[in-house]
Amino acid sequence: YGTGSGGTVTQLTSKSTSVTLNKPSGKITMHNEALAAGASVLFDINNSLFSESIDHVIITPLYQFINPAGYRIECIGNGGGAAIRIRVTNIHNVSLSESLVFRFCIIKGAIS
């Protein structure tokens, strides 16, 4: 992807708030809402360029400002239509209240 292909977006109200970013790649900054020890949260990235039946998504956490041992972040499929479903799990033994930041990239697929 070249210049202009990416974008950024920040969750506004909670870690479960959906965001919209209609770019093939970008950076998501999550809300700093507390996530209890062992808890998971789901949210969607609404993206009109994502095709749920054939595309792939790469998620890369950016750990500059948070403890990398504290979280697991994964793409768990689609949220329906043009939405990428993300699950974030606190794998630490205490509640964490950090604004996680990660990058995503859509890899266009084909079945024929």
N, C-alpha and C. Protein backbone atom coordinates (compact mmCIF):
# COMPACT_ATOMS: atom_id res chain seq x y z
N TYR A 1 0.83 -1.19 0.00
CA TYR A 1 0.00 0.00 0.00
C TYR A 1 0.86 1.24 0.00
N GLY A 2 0.42 2.25 -0.68
CA GLY A 2 1.18 3.49 -0.76
C GLY A 2 0.58 4.58 0.11
N THR A 3 1.19 5.75 0.03
CA THR A 3 0.73 6.91 0.78
C THR A 3 -0.75 7.16 0.50
N GLY A 4 -1.51 7.41 1.55
CA GLY A 4 -2.94 7.66 1.42
C GLY A 4 -3.80 6.42 1.58
N SER A 5 -3.16 5.25 1.63
CA SER A 5 -3.91 3.99 1.76
C SER A 5 -4.29 3.68 3.20
N GLY A 6 -3.69 4.36 4.14
CA GLY A 6 -3.95 4.08 5.55
C GLY A 6 -4.75 5.18 6.21
N GLY A 7 -5.16 4.89 7.43
CA GLY A 7 -5.90 5.87 8.20
C GLY A 7 -5.81 5.55 9.67
N THR A 8 -6.37 6.40 10.50
CA THR A 8 -6.39 6.18 11.94
C THR A 8 -7.78 6.45 12.47
N VAL A 9 -8.10 5.78 13.56
CA VAL A 9 -9.38 6.00 14.23
C VAL A 9 -9.21 5.65 15.71
N THR A 10 -9.98 6.33 16.56
CA THR A 10 -9.94 6.11 18.01
C THR A 10 -11.34 5.78 18.50
N GLN A 11 -11.42 4.75 19.36
CA GLN A 11 -12.70 4.44 20.00
C GLN A 11 -13.08 5.58 20.93
N LEU A 12 -14.35 5.94 20.95
CA LEU A 12 -14.76 7.11 21.71
C LEU A 12 -15.31 6.82 23.11
N THR A 13 -16.06 5.75 23.30
CA THR A 13 -16.78 5.61 24.57
C THR A 13 -16.43 4.38 25.39
N SER A 14 -15.95 3.30 24.77
CA SER A 14 -15.62 2.09 25.52
C SER A 14 -14.79 1.17 24.64
N LYS A 15 -14.26 0.10 25.23
CA LYS A 15 -13.49 -0.86 24.46
C LYS A 15 -14.37 -1.70 23.53
N SER A 16 -15.67 -1.70 23.73
CA SER A 16 -16.56 -2.47 22.87
C SER A 16 -17.20 -1.62 21.77
N THR A 17 -16.87 -0.34 21.71
CA THR A 17 -17.43 0.56 20.70
C THR A 17 -16.86 0.24 19.32
N SER A 18 -17.73 0.05 18.35
CA SER A 18 -17.30 -0.17 16.97
C SER A 18 -16.67 1.11 16.42
N VAL A 19 -15.74 0.92 15.48
CA VAL A 19 -15.12 2.05 14.79
C VAL A 19 -15.30 1.85 13.29
N THR A 20 -15.16 2.91 12.53
CA THR A 20 -15.26 2.83 11.07
C THR A 20 -13.99 3.42 10.47
N LEU A 21 -13.36 2.64 9.60
CA LEU A 21 -12.18 3.11 8.88
C LEU A 21 -12.18 2.42 7.51
N ASN A 22 -12.55 3.14 6.49
CA ASN A 22 -12.66 2.59 5.14
C ASN A 22 -11.36 2.76 4.36
N LYS A 23 -10.33 2.14 4.87
CA LYS A 23 -9.00 2.13 4.26
C LYS A 23 -8.50 0.68 4.30
N PRO A 24 -7.59 0.29 3.41
CA PRO A 24 -7.09 -1.09 3.43
C PRO A 24 -6.11 -1.37 4.57
N SER A 25 -5.62 -0.32 5.21
CA SER A 25 -4.74 -0.50 6.37
C SER A 25 -4.93 0.69 7.29
N GLY A 26 -4.51 0.52 8.54
CA GLY A 26 -4.67 1.63 9.45
C GLY A 26 -4.24 1.33 10.85
N LYS A 27 -4.45 2.32 11.71
CA LYS A 27 -4.09 2.23 13.12
C LYS A 27 -5.32 2.52 13.95
N ILE A 28 -5.61 1.63 14.90
CA ILE A 28 -6.75 1.76 15.81
C ILE A 28 -6.22 2.06 17.20
N THR A 29 -6.74 3.10 17.84
CA THR A 29 -6.43 3.37 19.24
C THR A 29 -7.69 3.08 20.03
N MET A 30 -7.58 2.13 20.95
CA MET A 30 -8.74 1.73 21.73
C MET A 30 -8.95 2.67 22.91
N HIS A 31 -10.16 2.66 23.45
CA HIS A 31 -10.51 3.42 24.63
C HIS A 31 -9.73 2.87 25.82
N ASN A 32 -9.52 3.67 26.86
CA ASN A 32 -8.76 3.22 28.02
C ASN A 32 -9.63 2.64 29.14
N GLU A 33 -10.83 2.21 28.79
CA GLU A 33 -11.73 1.58 29.75
C GLU A 33 -11.05 0.38 30.41
N ALA A 34 -11.33 0.14 31.69
CA ALA A 34 -10.75 -0.99 32.42
C ALA A 34 -11.21 -2.31 31.81
N LEU A 35 -10.29 -3.26 31.75
CA LEU A 35 -10.59 -4.62 31.32
C LEU A 35 -10.13 -5.54 32.44
N ALA A 36 -11.07 -6.23 33.07
CA ALA A 36 -10.77 -7.06 34.24
C ALA A 36 -9.81 -8.19 33.88
N ALA A 37 -9.12 -8.69 34.88
CA ALA A 37 -8.20 -9.82 34.70
C ALA A 37 -8.95 -10.99 34.08
N GLY A 38 -8.43 -11.54 32.99
CA GLY A 38 -9.04 -12.68 32.32
C GLY A 38 -10.22 -12.36 31.43
N ALA A 39 -10.66 -11.11 31.40
CA ALA A 39 -11.84 -10.73 30.61
C ALA A 39 -11.47 -10.46 29.16
N SER A 40 -12.46 -10.65 28.29
CA SER A 40 -12.32 -10.35 26.87
C SER A 40 -13.38 -9.34 26.46
N VAL A 41 -13.08 -8.61 25.41
CA VAL A 41 -14.04 -7.67 24.85
C VAL A 41 -14.00 -7.83 23.32
N LEU A 42 -15.16 -7.68 22.70
CA LEU A 42 -15.28 -7.73 21.24
C LEU A 42 -15.66 -6.37 20.72
N PHE A 43 -15.12 -6.01 19.55
CA PHE A 43 -15.59 -4.83 18.85
C PHE A 43 -15.36 -5.03 17.36
N ASP A 44 -16.05 -4.23 16.56
CA ASP A 44 -15.96 -4.34 15.11
C ASP A 44 -15.26 -3.14 14.50
N ILE A 45 -14.49 -3.42 13.45
CA ILE A 45 -13.97 -2.37 12.59
C ILE A 45 -14.83 -2.41 11.33
N ASN A 46 -15.69 -1.42 11.17
CA ASN A 46 -16.52 -1.35 9.96
C ASN A 46 -15.64 -0.82 8.83
N ASN A 47 -15.58 -1.59 7.74
CA ASN A 47 -14.67 -1.23 6.65
C ASN A 47 -15.29 -1.70 5.33
N SER A 48 -15.66 -0.75 4.49
CA SER A 48 -16.34 -1.08 3.24
C SER A 48 -15.44 -1.81 2.24
N LEU A 49 -14.13 -1.85 2.48
CA LEU A 49 -13.21 -2.54 1.58
C LEU A 49 -13.04 -4.01 1.94
N PHE A 50 -13.56 -4.43 3.09
CA PHE A 50 -13.41 -5.79 3.58
C PHE A 50 -14.54 -6.67 3.07
N SER A 51 -14.17 -7.81 2.47
CA SER A 51 -15.15 -8.79 2.02
C SER A 51 -15.05 -10.00 2.94
N GLU A 52 -16.11 -10.23 3.71
CA GLU A 52 -16.06 -11.28 4.73
C GLU A 52 -15.82 -12.67 4.19
N SER A 53 -16.15 -12.93 2.94
CA SER A 53 -16.04 -14.29 2.44
C SER A 53 -14.67 -14.65 1.87
N ILE A 54 -13.84 -13.65 1.54
CA ILE A 54 -12.57 -14.00 0.89
C ILE A 54 -11.33 -13.28 1.41
N ASP A 55 -11.49 -12.20 2.14
CA ASP A 55 -10.33 -11.41 2.56
C ASP A 55 -9.73 -11.91 3.88
N HIS A 56 -8.48 -11.54 4.09
CA HIS A 56 -7.75 -11.88 5.32
C HIS A 56 -7.35 -10.57 6.00
N VAL A 57 -7.17 -10.64 7.32
CA VAL A 57 -6.78 -9.45 8.08
C VAL A 57 -5.57 -9.80 8.95
N ILE A 58 -4.58 -8.93 8.91
CA ILE A 58 -3.42 -9.05 9.80
C ILE A 58 -3.55 -7.99 10.88
N ILE A 59 -3.36 -8.39 12.13
CA ILE A 59 -3.41 -7.48 13.27
C ILE A 59 -2.03 -7.44 13.91
N THR A 60 -1.49 -6.25 14.13
CA THR A 60 -0.18 -6.10 14.76
C THR A 60 -0.29 -5.13 15.93
N PRO A 61 -0.24 -5.64 17.17
CA PRO A 61 -0.27 -4.74 18.34
C PRO A 61 0.99 -3.88 18.39
N LEU A 62 0.82 -2.65 18.84
CA LEU A 62 1.94 -1.74 19.04
C LEU A 62 2.16 -1.59 20.54
N TYR A 63 3.22 -2.14 21.03
CA TYR A 63 3.44 -2.23 22.47
C TYR A 63 4.36 -1.15 23.03
N GLN A 64 4.48 0.00 22.40
CA GLN A 64 5.38 1.03 22.89
C GLN A 64 5.01 1.53 24.29
N PHE A 65 3.72 1.61 24.58
CA PHE A 65 3.27 2.24 25.82
C PHE A 65 2.51 1.30 26.76
N ILE A 66 2.43 0.03 26.42
CA ILE A 66 1.71 -0.91 27.27
C ILE A 66 2.55 -2.16 27.49
N ASN A 67 2.15 -2.97 28.44
CA ASN A 67 2.86 -4.19 28.77
C ASN A 67 2.45 -5.29 27.78
N PRO A 68 3.36 -5.77 26.94
CA PRO A 68 2.99 -6.78 25.94
C PRO A 68 2.55 -8.10 26.55
N ALA A 69 2.91 -8.36 27.80
CA ALA A 69 2.50 -9.60 28.45
C ALA A 69 1.07 -9.50 28.98
N GLY A 70 0.44 -8.35 28.85
CA GLY A 70 -0.87 -8.15 29.44
C GLY A 70 -2.07 -8.47 28.56
N TYR A 71 -1.87 -8.54 27.25
CA TYR A 71 -3.02 -8.67 26.35
C TYR A 71 -2.78 -9.69 25.24
N ARG A 72 -3.89 -10.22 24.75
CA ARG A 72 -3.90 -10.98 23.50
C ARG A 72 -4.94 -10.29 22.61
N ILE A 73 -4.55 -9.98 21.39
CA ILE A 73 -5.47 -9.34 20.45
C ILE A 73 -5.52 -10.18 19.20
N GLU A 74 -6.74 -10.42 18.71
CA GLU A 74 -6.88 -11.31 17.57
C GLU A 74 -8.10 -10.95 16.74
N CYS A 75 -8.00 -11.23 15.46
CA CYS A 75 -9.12 -11.11 14.56
C CYS A 75 -9.85 -12.44 14.62
N ILE A 76 -11.12 -12.42 14.94
CA ILE A 76 -11.85 -13.69 15.10
C ILE A 76 -12.90 -13.88 14.01
N GLY A 77 -12.74 -13.17 12.92
CA GLY A 77 -13.68 -13.34 11.81
C GLY A 77 -14.36 -12.04 11.49
N ASN A 78 -15.58 -12.15 11.06
CA ASN A 78 -16.30 -10.95 10.65
C ASN A 78 -17.46 -10.68 11.57
N GLY A 79 -17.82 -9.42 11.64
CA GLY A 79 -18.95 -9.00 12.44
C GLY A 79 -20.21 -8.88 11.61
N GLY A 80 -20.17 -9.44 10.40
CA GLY A 80 -21.31 -9.36 9.50
C GLY A 80 -21.08 -8.29 8.45
N GLY A 81 -21.32 -8.63 7.21
CA GLY A 81 -21.14 -7.67 6.13
C GLY A 81 -19.70 -7.23 5.99
N ALA A 82 -19.47 -5.93 6.11
CA ALA A 82 -18.14 -5.36 5.93
C ALA A 82 -17.52 -4.99 7.27
N ALA A 83 -17.64 -5.86 8.27
CA ALA A 83 -17.09 -5.58 9.60
C ALA A 83 -16.08 -6.65 9.99
N ILE A 84 -14.96 -6.20 10.49
CA ILE A 84 -13.91 -7.09 10.98
C ILE A 84 -14.07 -7.19 12.49
N ARG A 85 -14.26 -8.39 13.02
CA ARG A 85 -14.46 -8.58 14.46
C ARG A 85 -13.12 -8.81 15.15
N ILE A 86 -12.87 -8.01 16.20
CA ILE A 86 -11.64 -8.08 16.97
C ILE A 86 -11.96 -8.49 18.40
N ARG A 87 -11.13 -9.39 18.96
CA ARG A 87 -11.26 -9.77 20.37
C ARG A 87 -9.97 -9.39 21.08
N VAL A 88 -10.11 -8.68 22.21
CA VAL A 88 -8.98 -8.32 23.05
C VAL A 88 -9.20 -8.98 24.40
N THR A 89 -8.17 -9.69 24.89
CA THR A 89 -8.25 -10.39 26.16
C THR A 89 -7.15 -9.89 27.08
N ASN A 90 -7.52 -9.60 28.32
CA ASN A 90 -6.55 -9.25 29.35
C ASN A 90 -6.02 -10.57 29.91
N ILE A 91 -4.78 -10.92 29.62
CA ILE A 91 -4.20 -12.18 30.09
C ILE A 91 -3.33 -11.96 31.32
N HIS A 92 -3.40 -10.76 31.88
CA HIS A 92 -2.67 -10.43 33.10
C HIS A 92 -3.53 -10.82 34.30
N ASN A 93 -2.97 -10.80 35.49
CA ASN A 93 -3.72 -11.20 36.68
C ASN A 93 -4.34 -10.01 37.43
N VAL A 94 -4.35 -8.83 36.82
CA VAL A 94 -4.98 -7.65 37.40
C VAL A 94 -5.77 -6.91 36.31
N SER A 95 -6.68 -6.07 36.73
CA SER A 95 -7.41 -5.23 35.80
C SER A 95 -6.45 -4.24 35.15
N LEU A 96 -6.63 -4.00 33.86
CA LEU A 96 -5.78 -3.07 33.12
C LEU A 96 -6.63 -1.99 32.46
N SER A 97 -6.16 -0.76 32.49
CA SER A 97 -6.89 0.38 31.90
C SER A 97 -5.95 1.13 30.98
N GLU A 98 -5.72 0.60 29.80
CA GLU A 98 -4.79 1.20 28.87
C GLU A 98 -5.45 1.39 27.51
N SER A 99 -4.98 2.36 26.79
CA SER A 99 -5.43 2.57 25.42
C SER A 99 -4.54 1.73 24.50
N LEU A 100 -5.02 0.54 24.18
CA LEU A 100 -4.26 -0.32 23.28
C LEU A 100 -4.22 0.30 21.89
N VAL A 101 -3.11 0.10 21.20
CA VAL A 101 -2.97 0.60 19.84
C VAL A 101 -2.50 -0.57 18.98
N PHE A 102 -3.15 -0.74 17.83
CA PHE A 102 -2.71 -1.79 16.92
C PHE A 102 -2.92 -1.35 15.48
N ARG A 103 -2.20 -2.00 14.60
CA ARG A 103 -2.34 -1.79 13.16
C ARG A 103 -3.10 -2.95 12.56
N PHE A 104 -3.77 -2.68 11.47
CA PHE A 104 -4.42 -3.77 10.73
C PHE A 104 -4.14 -3.57 9.25
N CYS A 105 -4.23 -4.66 8.52
CA CYS A 105 -4.03 -4.63 7.07
C CYS A 105 -4.94 -5.68 6.46
N ILE A 106 -5.69 -5.29 5.47
CA ILE A 106 -6.55 -6.23 4.75
C ILE A 106 -5.77 -6.80 3.58
N ILE A 107 -5.75 -8.10 3.49
CA ILE A 107 -5.15 -8.77 2.34
C ILE A 107 -6.31 -9.28 1.50
N LYS A 108 -6.42 -8.76 0.30
CA LYS A 108 -7.52 -9.15 -0.58
C LYS A 108 -7.34 -10.59 -1.03
N GLY A 109 -8.40 -11.35 -0.98
CA GLY A 109 -8.38 -12.76 -1.37
C GLY A 109 -9.19 -13.02 -2.62
N ALA A 110 -9.11 -14.26 -3.07
CA ALA A 110 -9.90 -14.70 -4.23
C ALA A 110 -10.18 -16.18 -4.06
N ILE A 111 -11.30 -16.65 -4.58
CA ILE A 111 -11.62 -18.07 -4.50
C ILE A 111 -11.72 -18.70 -5.88
N SER A 112 -11.44 -17.93 -6.91
CA SER A 112 -11.45 -18.50 -8.25
C SER A 112 -10.33 -17.94 -9.09
